[in-house]
Amino acid sequence: MKFKSLALLDRISPLFKKMGIDYETMRIILYIKLLMDGRRVPTVFGSGKNQSDSMNKNQFLRSLWMYLIMGVILIPFIIMKNNYLFQMGMVFGIVIFLVITSLISDFSSVLLDIRDRNIIGVRPVDRKTLSMAKTLHILIYMICLTGALCGPALLISVVVQGPVFFLLFLVSLIFIDIISIIFTTFVYFFILKYFDGEKLKDIINYIQIVLAMVVMVSYQLIGRMFSVIDIRIEFVPSWWQYLVIPIWFAAPFQILQKAEMNFYLVTYTAMAVVIPLISIYIYIKKIPMFEKYLLKMGNNSIKRKERKKQSEGVLLRLFCRSREERIFFRFAKDMMNNERQFKLKVYPSLGFSLIFPFIFIIQRAAESGLHELAKGRTYLFIYFCGMMLPTLIMLMGCSENYKAAWIYKVLPIKDFKQVFHGTMKAFMVRLFVPLYVLEAIIFILIFGVRIIPDILVVFVASSIYSILCFIFMEKSLPFSKQFDSIQQSNVGVSMLLLLVLSIMAGVHFAITYIHFGVLIYLAVLLIIFIILWENAFHFSRRHV
């Protein structure tokens, strides 16, 4: 099988030789890696049902149409000719986010793979050559991904903005791919320097939450860098903009297309060129040390602090009435802590649920001011916390080790009500309650103590909502099914359940206009919750 990417590398092979890399060996390694990629299914494409087909075709390349569709959102920014610093800053902000997200979700396993060292490392292959093959392997796919994402925008740019704009855009995208890979590698490098491989795997999961929050905050920051005066977008310079990478790459377009020259634009342009080149130099120098730290990926030992059994026992007795509930509360908590696939799917939802209410609050505050905002009812945006609940309840039945669910058949349990009670409480206490309490405290600081009854109403309503999610979704014992099978069957139900959450928020809004209505509503919700809690979780042994 021939690869066009290798043919292109052959043309610049002298450059690799000058860098002290054994090009022929690197090419062979890269060829094998590209050949084996037919077996890897990217996150964005899902696992798919036809596994035999995925063995014969490169699923990543087949999934690029999804990025092609997403790339359409870049076209309006390319067509604009008003302020290139703004429009290209938005374009590069979107591209950098999607590239780094894909890099972490789909290529961290490649970047952190230590099998090459065990298989190839025993041969006469130096570390620099092996690491460069690994980096080029990822870079090839990042260029394919970026090409699909920015392909429509690149074609439009030739017609609307001209060939020089097109070439500058293309070079900027290549630099962005390079700096994204190097940045991710450096992050992993510093983590591995101080922690073991198991901690890094945890941090990769946590990065997804951070990225979900950063992209929303980034849009707010980029928007605030500009002020609109008489439908004209004007740049408002500030020191912190030197930290905003998309603006570095947007500055040359403002200079080129608008013939505008000032200290800020020249500095940003210089940073867009110099920093990637310095990063490449440092990366090449640090490759051997990175490979050394990479050996920690094989060390999965975690120094766990001794648990305070007494305090944990008090917590369990507080939340769980029966022995069975306490057992499955602890079991569910341990599973959530240890299941990486579970974290991969749940944590992004946590991030969105955490940041969504504040996005709307910020928008309202910008329009009317914080003082006026505190007098209104926009605190009801806290209902957005409940957006995570359908995902939590759906994934409550999923596990990477679902085949071990045979244990339920031998347990001396006739009614699995206590199993669901313990598991549901663990999910709510471990995931929903901390996030809700954090948001509630912030909302109380903004809106005052007057909203405390409303905060309690939202909490009870969310608890009822979680039970409704369980009732209407496909039921299965905790951690007993594959992730894909459960998710595919519950997608439509999840959308309808979000409508239910909106209705609950609407009812709450209407109740606030009734004197003592919130307190009465709280009492009614508590009664409904008790009834549902006692009757919604019956699951007999014949369903196992």
Protein backbone atom coordinates (compact mmCIF):
# COMPACT_ATOMS: atom_id res chain seq x y z
CA MET A 1 0.00 0.00 0.00
CA LYS A 2 1.29 3.45 -0.95
CA PHE A 3 0.80 6.57 1.16
CA LYS A 4 0.94 10.04 -0.38
CA SER A 5 2.15 11.48 2.91
CA LEU A 6 5.29 9.35 2.75
CA ALA A 7 5.93 10.48 -0.82
CA LEU A 8 5.82 14.09 0.37
CA LEU A 9 8.22 13.30 3.22
CA ASP A 10 10.66 11.75 0.76
CA ARG A 11 11.06 15.15 -0.88
CA ILE A 12 12.25 16.75 2.38
CA SER A 13 14.27 13.76 3.60
CA PRO A 14 17.55 15.76 3.64
CA LEU A 15 16.04 18.01 6.31
CA PHE A 16 15.51 15.02 8.63
CA LYS A 17 19.03 13.77 7.99
CA LYS A 18 20.44 17.14 9.00
CA MET A 19 18.48 16.85 12.24
CA GLY A 20 20.35 13.61 13.01
CA ILE A 21 17.41 11.32 12.24
CA ASP A 22 17.76 8.00 10.44
CA TYR A 23 15.22 8.78 7.71
CA GLU A 24 15.04 5.29 6.15
CA THR A 25 14.32 3.66 9.50
CA MET A 26 11.84 6.37 10.42
CA ARG A 27 10.03 5.89 7.12
CA ILE A 28 9.64 2.15 7.69
CA ILE A 29 8.27 2.71 11.21
CA LEU A 30 5.87 5.36 9.93
CA TYR A 31 4.70 3.09 7.12
CA ILE A 32 3.84 0.32 9.58
CA LYS A 33 1.99 2.77 11.85
CA LEU A 34 -0.10 4.10 8.96
CA LEU A 35 -0.81 0.55 7.81
CA MET A 36 -2.03 -0.47 11.28
CA ASP A 37 -4.31 2.55 11.62
CA GLY A 38 -7.08 0.67 9.85
CA ARG A 39 -7.75 -1.06 13.17
CA ARG A 40 -8.18 2.10 15.23
CA VAL A 41 -11.60 3.73 15.50
CA PRO A 42 -11.57 7.41 16.48
CA THR A 43 -13.72 8.82 19.25
CA VAL A 44 -15.58 11.17 16.93
CA PHE A 45 -16.79 8.23 14.80
CA GLY A 46 -17.77 5.95 17.67
CA SER A 47 -17.06 2.30 17.92
CA GLY A 48 -19.32 1.32 15.10
CA LYS A 49 -21.19 -1.93 14.61
CA ASN A 50 -19.25 -3.48 11.75
CA GLN A 51 -15.92 -4.30 13.32
CA SER A 52 -14.76 -6.45 10.42
CA ASP A 53 -15.15 -3.48 8.10
CA SER A 54 -13.06 -1.32 10.43
CA MET A 55 -10.23 -3.83 10.10
CA ASN A 56 -10.03 -3.16 6.37
CA LYS A 57 -10.58 0.59 6.15
CA ASN A 58 -9.08 3.50 8.01
CA GLN A 59 -11.99 4.66 10.14
CA PHE A 60 -10.35 7.99 10.93
CA LEU A 61 -10.21 8.98 7.27
CA ARG A 62 -13.81 7.85 6.84
CA SER A 63 -14.88 10.05 9.75
CA LEU A 64 -13.42 13.24 8.27
CA TRP A 65 -16.78 14.11 6.71
CA MET A 66 -17.98 15.06 10.20
CA TYR A 67 -15.19 17.64 10.47
CA LEU A 68 -16.00 18.79 6.93
CA ILE A 69 -19.56 19.58 8.03
CA MET A 70 -18.35 21.36 11.17
CA GLY A 71 -15.99 23.42 9.02
CA VAL A 72 -18.92 25.15 7.33
CA ILE A 73 -19.26 27.41 10.42
CA LEU A 74 -15.91 29.00 9.51
CA ILE A 75 -17.08 30.27 6.12
CA PRO A 76 -18.93 33.41 7.33
CA PHE A 77 -15.77 34.59 9.11
CA ILE A 78 -13.73 34.07 5.93
CA ILE A 79 -16.19 36.06 3.81
CA MET A 80 -16.09 39.08 6.15
CA LYS A 81 -13.75 41.93 5.20
CA ASN A 82 -14.26 44.25 8.12
CA ASN A 83 -11.75 43.34 10.85
CA TYR A 84 -9.41 40.45 10.06
CA LEU A 85 -8.03 40.36 13.59
CA PHE A 86 -11.51 39.57 14.85
CA GLN A 87 -12.69 37.19 12.14
CA MET A 88 -9.48 35.17 11.84
CA GLY A 89 -9.10 35.16 15.63
CA MET A 90 -12.49 33.44 15.81
CA VAL A 91 -11.51 31.00 13.04
CA PHE A 92 -8.21 30.02 14.67
CA GLY A 93 -9.84 29.84 18.11
CA ILE A 94 -12.34 27.27 16.83
CA VAL A 95 -9.66 25.34 14.93
CA ILE A 96 -7.23 25.20 17.88
CA PHE A 97 -9.95 23.97 20.23
CA LEU A 98 -11.12 21.20 17.88
CA VAL A 99 -7.57 20.14 16.99
CA ILE A 100 -6.41 19.90 20.62
CA THR A 101 -9.63 18.16 21.67
CA SER A 102 -9.20 15.57 18.92
CA LEU A 103 -5.52 15.21 19.76
CA ILE A 104 -6.32 14.43 23.39
CA SER A 105 -9.29 12.16 22.72
CA ASP A 106 -7.95 10.20 19.74
CA PHE A 107 -4.15 10.45 19.79
CA SER A 108 -3.08 10.54 23.44
CA SER A 109 -2.82 6.76 23.31
CA VAL A 110 -0.47 7.10 20.31
CA LEU A 111 1.61 9.90 21.81
CA LEU A 112 1.96 8.04 25.10
CA ASP A 113 2.39 4.55 23.66
CA ILE A 114 5.31 2.71 25.26
CA ARG A 115 4.94 -0.45 23.19
CA ASP A 116 7.19 1.02 20.49
CA ARG A 117 9.98 1.16 23.02
CA ASN A 118 9.47 -2.47 23.98
CA ILE A 119 9.20 -3.74 20.40
CA ILE A 120 11.43 -1.39 18.39
CA GLY A 121 13.56 -0.05 21.23
CA VAL A 122 15.47 -3.34 21.52
CA ARG A 123 16.57 -2.90 17.89
CA PRO A 124 19.31 -0.49 16.81
CA VAL A 125 16.90 2.45 16.55
CA ASP A 126 17.74 5.65 18.43
CA ARG A 127 15.11 7.44 20.51
CA LYS A 128 15.10 10.56 18.37
CA THR A 129 14.20 8.61 15.22
CA LEU A 130 11.45 6.67 17.00
CA SER A 131 9.96 9.80 18.58
CA MET A 132 10.03 11.69 15.29
CA ALA A 133 8.17 8.81 13.61
CA LYS A 134 5.55 8.97 16.37
CA THR A 135 5.23 12.76 16.04
CA LEU A 136 4.95 12.66 12.25
CA HIS A 137 2.37 9.91 12.54
CA ILE A 138 0.16 12.19 14.61
CA LEU A 139 0.97 15.27 12.53
CA ILE A 140 -0.18 13.52 9.33
CA TYR A 141 -3.58 12.86 10.84
CA MET A 142 -3.78 16.31 12.38
CA ILE A 143 -3.17 17.81 8.93
CA CYS A 144 -5.89 15.55 7.46
CA LEU A 145 -8.27 16.61 10.23
CA THR A 146 -7.43 20.30 9.83
CA GLY A 147 -7.73 19.99 6.06
CA ALA A 148 -11.23 18.56 6.38
CA LEU A 149 -12.22 21.12 9.00
CA CYS A 150 -10.83 24.11 7.10
CA GLY A 151 -11.20 22.75 3.55
CA PRO A 152 -14.42 24.67 2.72
CA ALA A 153 -13.00 27.86 4.26
CA LEU A 154 -9.73 27.48 2.33
CA LEU A 155 -11.58 27.10 -0.99
CA ILE A 156 -13.78 30.09 -0.28
CA SER A 157 -10.75 32.17 0.75
CA VAL A 158 -9.15 31.78 -2.70
CA VAL A 159 -12.23 33.25 -4.41
CA VAL A 160 -13.17 35.91 -1.84
CA GLN A 161 -9.81 36.99 -0.37
CA GLY A 162 -7.27 36.01 -3.01
CA PRO A 163 -4.36 33.52 -3.37
CA VAL A 164 -2.01 35.34 -0.96
CA PHE A 165 -4.63 35.13 1.80
CA PHE A 166 -5.07 31.43 0.97
CA LEU A 167 -1.35 30.68 1.25
CA LEU A 168 -1.05 32.58 4.55
CA PHE A 169 -4.09 30.73 5.87
CA LEU A 170 -2.61 27.38 4.84
CA VAL A 171 0.79 28.07 6.44
CA SER A 172 -0.92 29.27 9.63
CA LEU A 173 -2.90 26.02 9.88
CA ILE A 174 0.28 23.95 9.55
CA PHE A 175 1.91 25.98 12.32
CA ILE A 176 -1.19 25.54 14.47
CA ASP A 177 -1.04 21.75 14.06
CA ILE A 178 2.63 21.73 15.01
CA ILE A 179 2.21 23.97 18.04
CA SER A 180 -0.84 21.96 19.18
CA ILE A 181 1.11 18.69 19.16
CA ILE A 182 4.12 20.23 20.87
CA PHE A 183 1.97 21.99 23.47
CA THR A 184 0.14 18.74 24.31
CA THR A 185 3.45 16.87 24.50
CA PHE A 186 4.94 19.47 26.85
CA VAL A 187 1.90 19.24 29.12
CA TYR A 188 2.30 15.46 29.29
CA PHE A 189 6.05 15.90 29.80
CA PHE A 190 5.63 18.06 32.91
CA ILE A 191 2.90 15.79 34.30
CA LEU A 192 5.04 12.69 33.86
CA LYS A 193 8.00 14.47 35.44
CA TYR A 194 6.20 14.71 38.77
CA PHE A 195 3.52 11.99 38.61
CA ASP A 196 3.15 8.42 37.38
CA GLY A 197 1.25 7.13 34.34
CA GLU A 198 -1.95 6.48 36.24
CA LYS A 199 -2.16 10.10 37.34
CA LEU A 200 -1.61 11.23 33.75
CA LYS A 201 -4.51 9.06 32.58
CA ASP A 202 -6.69 10.75 35.19
CA ILE A 203 -5.54 14.20 34.11
CA ILE A 204 -6.34 13.42 30.46
CA ASN A 205 -9.93 12.83 31.57
CA TYR A 206 -9.99 16.05 33.57
CA ILE A 207 -8.59 18.04 30.64
CA GLN A 208 -11.84 17.40 28.78
CA ILE A 209 -13.78 19.32 31.41
CA VAL A 210 -11.29 22.15 31.27
CA LEU A 211 -11.43 22.28 27.47
CA ALA A 212 -15.23 22.34 27.50
CA MET A 213 -15.12 25.32 29.86
CA VAL A 214 -12.20 27.06 28.11
CA VAL A 215 -13.90 27.11 24.71
CA MET A 216 -16.94 28.92 26.14
CA VAL A 217 -14.83 31.36 28.13
CA SER A 218 -12.61 31.93 25.07
CA TYR A 219 -15.57 33.08 23.00
CA GLN A 220 -16.41 35.56 25.74
CA LEU A 221 -12.78 36.82 25.88
CA ILE A 222 -12.40 37.13 22.12
CA GLY A 223 -15.69 39.01 21.96
CA ARG A 224 -14.59 41.42 24.69
CA MET A 225 -11.37 42.22 22.86
CA PHE A 226 -13.48 44.12 20.36
CA SER A 227 -16.14 46.80 20.71
CA VAL A 228 -18.86 47.41 18.14
CA ILE A 229 -19.35 51.10 17.30
CA ASP A 230 -21.81 51.99 14.52
CA ILE A 231 -21.63 48.39 13.22
CA ARG A 232 -17.83 48.69 13.12
CA ILE A 233 -15.63 46.25 15.01
CA GLU A 234 -12.70 47.96 16.71
CA PHE A 235 -9.73 46.33 18.39
CA VAL A 236 -9.19 47.15 22.08
CA PRO A 237 -5.54 46.25 22.92
CA SER A 238 -4.51 44.93 26.33
CA TRP A 239 -1.55 43.04 27.85
CA TRP A 240 -3.38 39.76 28.40
CA GLN A 241 -3.97 39.36 24.66
CA TYR A 242 -0.36 38.18 24.32
CA LEU A 243 -1.60 34.94 25.91
CA VAL A 244 -4.39 34.43 23.34
CA ILE A 245 -2.81 32.21 20.68
CA PRO A 246 -5.50 32.70 17.95
CA ILE A 247 -4.73 36.42 17.89
CA TRP A 248 -1.07 35.70 17.09
CA PHE A 249 -2.04 33.99 13.86
CA ALA A 250 -4.80 36.49 13.03
CA ALA A 251 -2.49 39.52 13.17
CA PRO A 252 -0.69 38.90 9.82
CA PHE A 253 -4.05 38.96 8.03
CA GLN A 254 -4.85 42.40 9.44
CA ILE A 255 -1.44 43.65 8.27
CA LEU A 256 -1.78 42.03 4.84
CA GLN A 257 -5.39 42.82 3.99
CA LYS A 258 -5.81 46.18 5.73
CA ALA A 259 -2.24 47.50 5.43
CA GLU A 260 -2.46 48.31 9.12
CA MET A 261 0.78 48.39 11.11
CA ASN A 262 1.27 48.98 14.83
CA PHE A 263 3.28 47.61 17.74
CA TYR A 264 0.63 45.07 18.78
CA LEU A 265 0.13 43.59 15.31
CA VAL A 266 3.86 43.29 14.64
CA THR A 267 4.43 41.65 18.05
CA TYR A 268 1.59 39.16 17.53
CA THR A 269 2.92 38.27 14.07
CA ALA A 270 6.43 37.76 15.43
CA MET A 271 5.06 35.49 18.17
CA ALA A 272 3.15 33.44 15.58
CA VAL A 273 6.44 32.68 13.81
CA VAL A 274 9.06 32.65 16.57
CA ILE A 275 7.26 30.70 19.30
CA PRO A 276 6.42 27.66 17.09
CA LEU A 277 10.02 27.56 15.82
CA ILE A 278 11.42 27.77 19.36
CA SER A 279 8.96 25.08 20.42
CA ILE A 280 10.18 22.77 17.64
CA TYR A 281 13.80 23.30 18.70
CA ILE A 282 13.04 22.61 22.38
CA TYR A 283 10.93 19.60 21.43
CA ILE A 284 13.73 18.00 19.44
CA LYS A 285 16.19 18.63 22.28
CA LYS A 286 13.83 17.20 24.90
CA ILE A 287 12.78 14.06 22.99
CA PRO A 288 15.19 11.71 24.86
CA MET A 289 14.07 13.04 28.25
CA PHE A 290 10.40 12.71 27.26
CA GLU A 291 10.98 9.09 26.26
CA LYS A 292 12.62 8.50 29.64
CA TYR A 293 9.63 9.90 31.53
CA LEU A 294 7.31 7.97 29.24
CA LEU A 295 8.44 4.78 30.97
CA LYS A 296 6.29 5.91 33.90
CA MET A 297 3.24 5.04 31.80
CA GLY A 298 3.93 1.45 32.72
CA ASN A 299 3.82 2.34 36.41
CA ASN A 300 0.17 2.33 37.40
CA SER A 301 0.68 2.24 41.10
CA ILE A 302 -1.09 4.96 43.01
CA LYS A 303 -0.19 6.00 46.50
CA ARG A 304 -3.59 6.22 48.03
CA LYS A 305 -4.15 7.90 51.29
CA GLU A 306 -5.59 5.74 53.98
CA ARG A 307 -9.31 6.23 54.11
CA LYS A 308 -10.86 7.46 57.24
CA LYS A 309 -13.09 4.49 57.82
CA GLN A 310 -14.94 6.06 60.68
CA SER A 311 -15.95 9.24 58.81
CA GLU A 312 -16.90 7.19 55.73
CA GLY A 313 -19.04 4.94 57.90
CA VAL A 314 -20.88 7.98 59.28
CA LEU A 315 -21.49 9.22 55.71
CA LEU A 316 -22.85 5.84 54.63
CA ARG A 317 -25.16 5.56 57.65
CA LEU A 318 -26.37 9.09 56.97
CA PHE A 319 -27.31 8.47 53.32
CA CYS A 320 -28.13 4.74 53.32
CA ARG A 321 -30.63 3.09 55.63
CA SER A 322 -30.01 -0.59 54.86
CA ARG A 323 -26.89 -2.72 54.66
CA GLU A 324 -27.52 -3.47 50.97
CA GLU A 325 -27.75 0.23 50.17
CA ARG A 326 -24.43 0.90 51.90
CA ILE A 327 -22.74 -1.94 50.00
CA PHE A 328 -23.86 -0.70 46.59
CA PHE A 329 -23.26 2.94 47.48
CA ARG A 330 -19.61 2.07 48.11
CA PHE A 331 -19.51 -0.22 45.07
CA ALA A 332 -20.88 2.49 42.74
CA LYS A 333 -18.52 5.10 44.19
CA ASP A 334 -15.50 2.85 43.58
CA MET A 335 -16.64 2.08 40.04
CA MET A 336 -17.01 5.78 39.23
CA ASN A 337 -13.53 6.46 40.58
CA ASN A 338 -11.89 3.65 38.59
CA GLU A 339 -13.80 3.48 35.27
CA ARG A 340 -11.94 5.63 32.75
CA GLN A 341 -14.50 5.19 29.97
CA PHE A 342 -17.19 6.35 32.37
CA LYS A 343 -15.19 9.49 33.20
CA LEU A 344 -14.56 10.10 29.50
CA LYS A 345 -18.27 10.21 28.79
CA VAL A 346 -19.58 11.88 31.97
CA TYR A 347 -17.05 14.60 32.74
CA PRO A 348 -17.69 16.73 29.63
CA SER A 349 -21.37 16.84 30.66
CA LEU A 350 -20.30 18.01 34.11
CA GLY A 351 -18.24 20.78 32.56
CA PHE A 352 -21.09 22.02 30.38
CA SER A 353 -23.58 21.86 33.25
CA LEU A 354 -21.18 23.86 35.42
CA ILE A 355 -20.53 26.64 32.92
CA PHE A 356 -23.88 26.95 31.10
CA PRO A 357 -25.79 28.86 33.84
CA PHE A 358 -22.98 31.40 34.13
CA ILE A 359 -22.85 32.00 30.37
CA PHE A 360 -26.44 33.24 30.48
CA ILE A 361 -25.83 35.16 33.69
CA ILE A 362 -22.85 36.96 32.10
CA GLN A 363 -24.92 37.87 29.06
CA ARG A 364 -27.74 39.29 31.18
CA ALA A 365 -25.30 41.15 33.43
CA ALA A 366 -23.67 42.74 30.37
CA GLU A 367 -27.07 43.98 29.19
CA SER A 368 -28.61 45.27 32.42
CA GLY A 369 -25.80 45.38 34.98
CA LEU A 370 -25.15 43.14 37.99
CA HIS A 371 -27.23 45.27 40.37
CA GLU A 372 -30.37 45.00 38.22
CA LEU A 373 -29.64 41.35 37.54
CA ALA A 374 -29.67 40.55 41.28
CA LYS A 375 -33.26 41.80 41.53
CA GLY A 376 -34.64 39.49 38.85
CA ARG A 377 -35.38 35.80 38.47
CA THR A 378 -32.46 34.81 36.29
CA TYR A 379 -31.25 32.60 39.16
CA LEU A 380 -33.56 29.98 37.63
CA PHE A 381 -30.83 29.38 35.06
CA ILE A 382 -29.42 27.06 37.73
CA TYR A 383 -31.81 24.46 36.27
CA PHE A 384 -29.15 23.98 33.59
CA CYS A 385 -27.27 21.92 36.20
CA GLY A 386 -29.86 19.23 35.57
CA MET A 387 -28.71 18.85 31.97
CA MET A 388 -26.19 16.28 33.16
CA LEU A 389 -28.76 14.01 34.85
CA PRO A 390 -29.98 12.11 31.75
CA THR A 391 -26.36 11.30 30.93
CA LEU A 392 -25.64 10.20 34.50
CA ILE A 393 -28.69 7.95 34.74
CA MET A 394 -28.08 6.52 31.26
CA LEU A 395 -24.46 5.67 32.07
CA MET A 396 -25.39 4.24 35.46
CA GLY A 397 -25.96 0.92 33.70
CA CYS A 398 -22.69 0.99 31.71
CA SER A 399 -19.22 -0.34 32.38
CA GLU A 400 -16.03 -1.33 30.58
CA ASN A 401 -16.19 -4.57 32.58
CA TYR A 402 -19.85 -5.26 31.89
CA LYS A 403 -19.22 -8.99 31.47
CA ALA A 404 -18.68 -9.24 35.22
CA ALA A 405 -22.41 -8.52 35.69
CA TRP A 406 -22.95 -12.28 36.09
CA ILE A 407 -22.27 -11.63 39.78
CA TYR A 408 -25.83 -10.30 40.12
CA LYS A 409 -27.17 -13.78 39.35
CA VAL A 410 -25.47 -15.37 42.33
CA LEU A 411 -26.15 -12.60 44.85
CA PRO A 412 -28.86 -13.48 47.43
CA ILE A 413 -31.06 -10.55 46.39
CA LYS A 414 -34.74 -10.95 45.55
CA ASP A 415 -35.67 -7.32 44.95
CA PHE A 416 -33.02 -5.06 43.44
CA LYS A 417 -34.64 -1.91 44.80
CA GLN A 418 -31.86 -1.47 47.36
CA VAL A 419 -29.25 -1.93 44.63
CA PHE A 420 -30.67 1.01 42.67
CA HIS A 421 -31.16 3.10 45.79
CA GLY A 422 -27.52 2.73 46.79
CA THR A 423 -26.25 3.31 43.24
CA MET A 424 -28.49 6.30 42.61
CA LYS A 425 -27.45 7.93 45.89
CA ALA A 426 -23.78 7.36 45.07
CA PHE A 427 -24.21 9.01 41.65
CA MET A 428 -26.05 12.00 43.07
CA VAL A 429 -23.74 12.48 46.09
CA ARG A 430 -20.53 11.92 44.12
CA LEU A 431 -21.31 13.87 40.94
CA PHE A 432 -24.40 16.07 41.08
CA VAL A 433 -24.48 17.38 44.66
CA PRO A 434 -20.93 18.89 44.73
CA LEU A 435 -21.51 20.73 41.46
CA TYR A 436 -24.95 21.93 42.54
CA VAL A 437 -23.73 23.13 45.94
CA LEU A 438 -20.90 25.08 44.28
CA GLU A 439 -23.27 26.78 41.86
CA ALA A 440 -25.85 27.42 44.59
CA ILE A 441 -23.28 29.23 46.74
CA ILE A 442 -22.24 31.44 43.82
CA PHE A 443 -25.87 32.19 42.94
CA ILE A 444 -26.65 33.10 46.55
CA LEU A 445 -23.69 35.48 46.56
CA ILE A 446 -25.04 37.13 43.40
CA PHE A 447 -28.78 37.17 44.13
CA GLY A 448 -28.81 37.18 47.93
CA VAL A 449 -30.28 34.89 50.60
CA ARG A 450 -33.80 35.51 49.24
CA ILE A 451 -33.29 32.72 46.71
CA ILE A 452 -32.46 30.00 49.27
CA PRO A 453 -36.03 28.54 49.12
CA ASP A 454 -35.76 28.52 45.31
CA ILE A 455 -32.39 26.77 45.53
CA LEU A 456 -34.00 24.05 47.67
CA VAL A 457 -36.87 23.74 45.20
CA VAL A 458 -34.46 23.30 42.29
CA PHE A 459 -32.56 20.62 44.22
CA VAL A 460 -35.71 18.61 45.02
CA ALA A 461 -36.99 19.13 41.46
CA SER A 462 -33.66 17.86 40.10
CA SER A 463 -33.90 14.80 42.35
CA ILE A 464 -37.39 14.10 40.98
CA TYR A 465 -36.05 14.66 37.49
CA SER A 466 -33.33 12.06 38.05
CA ILE A 467 -35.98 9.51 39.03
CA LEU A 468 -38.03 10.39 35.93
CA CYS A 469 -34.91 9.81 33.84
CA PHE A 470 -34.62 6.34 35.38
CA ILE A 471 -38.30 5.58 34.77
CA PHE A 472 -38.36 6.56 31.10
CA MET A 473 -34.95 5.26 30.06
CA GLU A 474 -34.14 1.66 29.26
CA LYS A 475 -33.56 -0.11 32.56
CA SER A 476 -30.59 -2.30 33.35
CA LEU A 477 -28.68 -3.28 36.44
CA PRO A 478 -25.84 -0.95 37.43
CA PHE A 479 -22.65 -1.36 35.35
CA SER A 480 -24.04 -4.34 33.43
CA LYS A 481 -24.17 -3.12 29.80
CA GLN A 482 -21.84 -1.88 27.09
CA PHE A 483 -21.64 1.88 26.68
CA ASP A 484 -22.69 1.96 23.03
CA SER A 485 -25.75 -0.30 23.40
CA ILE A 486 -27.27 1.83 26.16
CA GLN A 487 -26.47 5.19 24.58
CA GLN A 488 -27.92 4.35 21.16
CA SER A 489 -31.25 3.23 22.61
CA ASN A 490 -31.69 6.29 24.86
CA VAL A 491 -30.74 9.22 22.62
CA GLY A 492 -34.33 10.13 21.70
CA VAL A 493 -35.55 9.76 25.28
CA SER A 494 -32.77 12.04 26.51
CA MET A 495 -33.95 14.83 24.21
CA LEU A 496 -37.53 14.49 25.48
CA LEU A 497 -36.30 14.52 29.08
CA LEU A 498 -34.57 17.86 28.47
CA LEU A 499 -37.99 19.18 27.46
CA VAL A 500 -39.36 17.90 30.79
CA LEU A 501 -36.61 19.83 32.61
CA SER A 502 -37.61 22.99 30.73
CA ILE A 503 -41.24 22.51 31.78
CA MET A 504 -40.19 22.08 35.42
CA ALA A 505 -38.23 25.34 35.23
CA GLY A 506 -41.24 27.07 33.64
CA VAL A 507 -43.56 25.89 36.42
CA HIS A 508 -41.07 27.14 39.03
CA PHE A 509 -40.93 30.52 37.29
CA ALA A 510 -44.73 30.82 37.38
CA ILE A 511 -44.87 29.80 41.07
CA THR A 512 -42.54 32.67 42.05
CA TYR A 513 -45.38 35.13 41.29
CA ILE A 514 -47.60 33.53 43.97
CA HIS A 515 -47.27 34.66 47.58
CA PHE A 516 -45.66 31.80 49.57
CA GLY A 517 -45.91 29.81 46.33
CA VAL A 518 -42.29 28.65 46.46
CA LEU A 519 -42.65 27.16 49.97
CA ILE A 520 -45.91 25.41 49.05
CA TYR A 521 -44.33 24.12 45.86
CA LEU A 522 -41.36 22.83 47.87
CA ALA A 523 -43.68 20.84 50.14
CA VAL A 524 -45.51 19.37 47.14
CA LEU A 525 -42.24 18.39 45.46
CA LEU A 526 -41.03 16.66 48.64
CA ILE A 527 -44.19 14.53 48.73
CA ILE A 528 -43.82 13.65 45.04
CA PHE A 529 -40.16 12.77 45.57
CA ILE A 530 -40.93 10.42 48.49
CA ILE A 531 -43.64 8.63 46.50
CA LEU A 532 -41.44 8.21 43.43
CA TRP A 533 -38.39 7.17 45.46
CA GLU A 534 -40.31 4.36 47.16
CA ASN A 535 -42.00 3.02 44.03
CA ALA A 536 -39.79 3.65 40.99
CA PHE A 537 -36.93 1.22 41.56
CA HIS A 538 -38.54 -2.21 41.72
CA PHE A 539 -36.50 -4.60 39.59
CA SER A 540 -37.06 -8.28 40.28
CA ARG A 541 -34.63 -11.17 39.78
CA ARG A 542 -36.48 -12.38 36.66
CA HIS A 543 -35.19 -9.27 34.83
CA VAL A 544 -31.55 -10.22 35.48
